[in-house]
C-alpha atoms as a PDB file:
ATOM      1  CA  MET A   1     -22.222 -17.540  10.209  1.00  0.00           C
ATOM      2  CA  PRO A   2     -20.683 -14.719   8.550  1.00  0.00           C
ATOM      3  CA  VAL A   3     -22.226 -13.253   5.487  1.00  0.00           C
ATOM      4  CA  GLY A   4     -20.388 -12.503   2.109  1.00  0.00           C
ATOM      5  CA  LEU A   5     -19.630 -13.558  -1.399  1.00  0.00           C
ATOM      6  CA  GLN A   6     -17.909 -16.841  -1.780  1.00  0.00           C
ATOM      7  CA  VAL A   7     -17.632 -18.213  -5.265  1.00  0.00           C
ATOM      8  CA  TRP A   8     -16.194 -21.670  -6.495  1.00  0.00           C
ATOM      9  CA  ASP A   9     -14.507 -22.798  -9.508  1.00  0.00           C
ATOM     10  CA  ALA A  10     -15.724 -26.007 -11.321  1.00  0.00           C
ATOM     11  CA  SER A  11     -13.471 -28.114  -9.277  1.00  0.00           C
ATOM     12  CA  GLY A  12     -15.134 -26.996  -5.750  1.00  0.00           C
ATOM     13  CA  ARG A  13     -11.917 -24.654  -5.074  1.00  0.00           C
ATOM     14  CA  SER A  14     -12.607 -21.305  -3.552  1.00  0.00           C
ATOM     15  CA  VAL A  15     -12.072 -18.453  -6.209  1.00  0.00           C
ATOM     16  CA  ILE A  16     -13.455 -15.478  -4.147  1.00  0.00           C
ATOM     17  CA  ASP A  17     -14.108 -15.258  -0.334  1.00  0.00           C
ATOM     18  CA  THR A  18     -15.089 -11.894   0.976  1.00  0.00           C
ATOM     19  CA  VAL A  19     -15.856 -13.795   4.272  1.00  0.00           C
ATOM     20  CA  THR A  20     -12.218 -14.063   5.098  1.00  0.00           C
ATOM     21  CA  GLN A  21     -10.149 -12.014   2.556  1.00  0.00           C
ATOM     22  CA  VAL A  22     -11.754  -8.570   2.427  1.00  0.00           C
ATOM     23  CA  PRO A  23      -9.227  -5.825   1.458  1.00  0.00           C
ATOM     24  CA  ILE A  24      -9.483  -2.755   3.593  1.00  0.00           C
ATOM     25  CA  ILE A  25      -7.850   0.467   2.723  1.00  0.00           C
ATOM     26  CA  LEU A  26      -6.874   2.249   6.049  1.00  0.00           C
ATOM     27  CA  GLY A  27      -5.895   5.326   4.831  1.00  0.00           C
ATOM     28  CA  SER A  28      -3.250   7.568   2.763  1.00  0.00           C
ATOM     29  CA  ILE A  29      -0.836  10.023   3.417  1.00  0.00           C
ATOM     30  CA  ALA A  30       0.953  12.431   1.096  1.00  0.00           C
ATOM     31  CA  ALA A  31       4.869  12.331   1.450  1.00  0.00           C
ATOM     32  CA  THR A  32       7.813  14.055   0.254  1.00  0.00           C
ATOM     33  CA  SER A  33      10.565  12.436   1.992  1.00  0.00           C
ATOM     34  CA  ALA A  34      11.475   9.334   4.283  1.00  0.00           C
ATOM     35  CA  GLY A  35       8.871   8.465   6.841  1.00  0.00           C
ATOM     36  CA  SER A  36       6.579   6.187   8.411  1.00  0.00           C
ATOM     37  CA  ILE A  37       2.944   5.632   9.679  1.00  0.00           C
ATOM     38  CA  THR A  38       1.981   3.070  12.648  1.00  0.00           C
ATOM     39  CA  ASN A  39      -1.367   1.317  12.441  1.00  0.00           C
ATOM     40  CA  PRO A  40      -2.267  -1.306  14.920  1.00  0.00           C
ATOM     41  CA  LEU A  41      -4.548  -3.061  12.349  1.00  0.00           C
ATOM     42  CA  PHE A  42      -1.530  -4.083  10.539  1.00  0.00           C
ATOM     43  CA  THR A  43      -0.603  -6.663  13.222  1.00  0.00           C
ATOM     44  CA  GLY A  44      -2.216 -10.048  12.525  1.00  0.00           C
ATOM     45  CA  LYS A  45      -3.206  -9.053   9.276  1.00  0.00           C
ATOM     46  CA  SER A  46      -1.828  -8.950   5.927  1.00  0.00           C
ATOM     47  CA  PRO A  47      -0.840  -5.333   5.209  1.00  0.00           C
ATOM     48  CA  PHE A  48      -0.318  -3.912   1.837  1.00  0.00           C
ATOM     49  CA  TYR A  49       0.286  -0.508   0.074  1.00  0.00           C
ATOM     50  CA  PHE A  50       0.779   1.065  -2.978  1.00  0.00           C
ATOM     51  CA  CYS A  51       1.935   4.456  -3.963  1.00  0.00           C
ATOM     52  CA  TYR A  52       1.321   7.075  -6.849  1.00  0.00           C
ATOM     53  CA  SER A  53       2.800  10.283  -7.889  1.00  0.00           C
ATOM     54  CA  THR A  54       1.175  13.637  -7.960  1.00  0.00           C
ATOM     55  CA  SER A  55       3.842  15.508  -9.082  1.00  0.00           C
ATOM     56  CA  PRO A  56       3.764  16.929 -12.804  1.00  0.00           C
ATOM     57  CA  ASP A  57       7.812  16.615 -13.224  1.00  0.00           C
ATOM     58  CA  SER A  58       9.068  14.967 -15.986  1.00  0.00           C
ATOM     59  CA  LEU A  59      11.341  12.500 -14.089  1.00  0.00           C
ATOM     60  CA  THR A  60       8.248  11.544 -11.692  1.00  0.00           C
ATOM     61  CA  GLY A  61       7.738   8.210 -13.622  1.00  0.00           C
ATOM     62  CA  ALA A  62      11.275   7.086 -13.026  1.00  0.00           C
ATOM     63  CA  PHE A  63      11.661   8.493  -9.618  1.00  0.00           C
ATOM     64  CA  SER A  64       8.094   6.665  -8.591  1.00  0.00           C
ATOM     65  CA  ILE A  65       9.620   3.118  -9.761  1.00  0.00           C
ATOM     66  CA  GLU A  66      12.673   4.189  -7.706  1.00  0.00           C
ATOM     67  CA  VAL A  67      10.616   4.989  -4.842  1.00  0.00           C
ATOM     68  CA  ALA A  68       8.044   1.737  -4.900  1.00  0.00           C
ATOM     69  CA  ASN A  69      11.287  -0.257  -4.105  1.00  0.00           C
ATOM     70  CA  ASN A  70      12.022   1.679  -0.709  1.00  0.00           C
ATOM     71  CA  PHE A  71       9.045   0.501   1.232  1.00  0.00           C
ATOM     72  CA  ARG A  72       9.221  -1.994   4.073  1.00  0.00           C
ATOM     73  CA  ILE A  73       6.555  -2.990   6.955  1.00  0.00           C
ATOM     74  CA  VAL A  74       7.698  -4.339   9.954  1.00  0.00           C
ATOM     75  CA  GLY A  75       5.102  -5.135  12.887  1.00  0.00           C
ATOM     76  CA  ASP A  76       2.422  -2.316  12.838  1.00  0.00           C
ATOM     77  CA  THR A  77       4.843   0.163  11.030  1.00  0.00           C
ATOM     78  CA  LEU A  78       4.972   0.989   7.090  1.00  0.00           C
ATOM     79  CA  PHE A  79       8.517   2.671   6.486  1.00  0.00           C
ATOM     80  CA  TRP A  80       9.380   4.300   3.242  1.00  0.00           C
ATOM     81  CA  ASP A  81      12.582   5.981   2.459  1.00  0.00           C
ATOM     82  CA  TRP A  82      13.844   8.052  -0.513  1.00  0.00           C
ATOM     83  CA  THR A  83      15.679  11.114  -0.944  1.00  0.00           C
ATOM     84  CA  PRO A  84      14.175  13.494  -3.838  1.00  0.00           C
ATOM     85  CA  PRO A  85      16.421  14.464  -6.578  1.00  0.00           C
ATOM     86  CA  PRO A  86      18.246  17.682  -6.215  1.00  0.00           C
ATOM     87  CA  ASN A  87      16.174  20.852  -6.827  1.00  0.00           C
ATOM     88  CA  ARG A  88      13.233  18.756  -7.266  1.00  0.00           C
ATOM     89  CA  SER A  89       9.868  18.478  -5.034  1.00  0.00           C
ATOM     90  CA  ILE A  90       8.013  14.885  -5.648  1.00  0.00           C
ATOM     91  CA  GLU A  91       5.134  14.262  -3.913  1.00  0.00           C
ATOM     92  CA  VAL A  92       3.749  10.390  -3.508  1.00  0.00           C
ATOM     93  CA  VAL A  93       0.650   9.534  -2.066  1.00  0.00           C
ATOM     94  CA  ILE A  94       1.085   6.202  -0.155  1.00  0.00           C
ATOM     95  CA  VAL A  95      -2.430   4.214   0.154  1.00  0.00           C
ATOM     96  CA  TYR A  96      -2.187   1.285   2.844  1.00  0.00           C
ATOM     97  CA  GLY A  97      -4.730  -1.086   4.324  1.00  0.00           C
ATOM     98  CA  VAL A  98      -4.971  -4.932   5.124  1.00  0.00           C
ATOM     99  CA  TYR A  99      -6.658  -7.671   3.827  1.00  0.00           C
END
């Protein structure tokens, strides 16, 4: 029998079940333009990602929102696609994992 944390509400519904739904961060990558990363652990799981900017540029906040809308996961590959604004270097850290 697996060991983990399981919590139920007053009606007996599972609220937390770390036995079957444990989020695992697989890695992170710094990106300045379009790219992709392949990880066989994406297959058969529920992959996730989030990103944040490390650039001190005043336009970074708006650009980060645009970047966040240009991700997709196909099979075992996470793709991202964006073009930095002219004369700007924007670095985004992409953190990815599965649950």
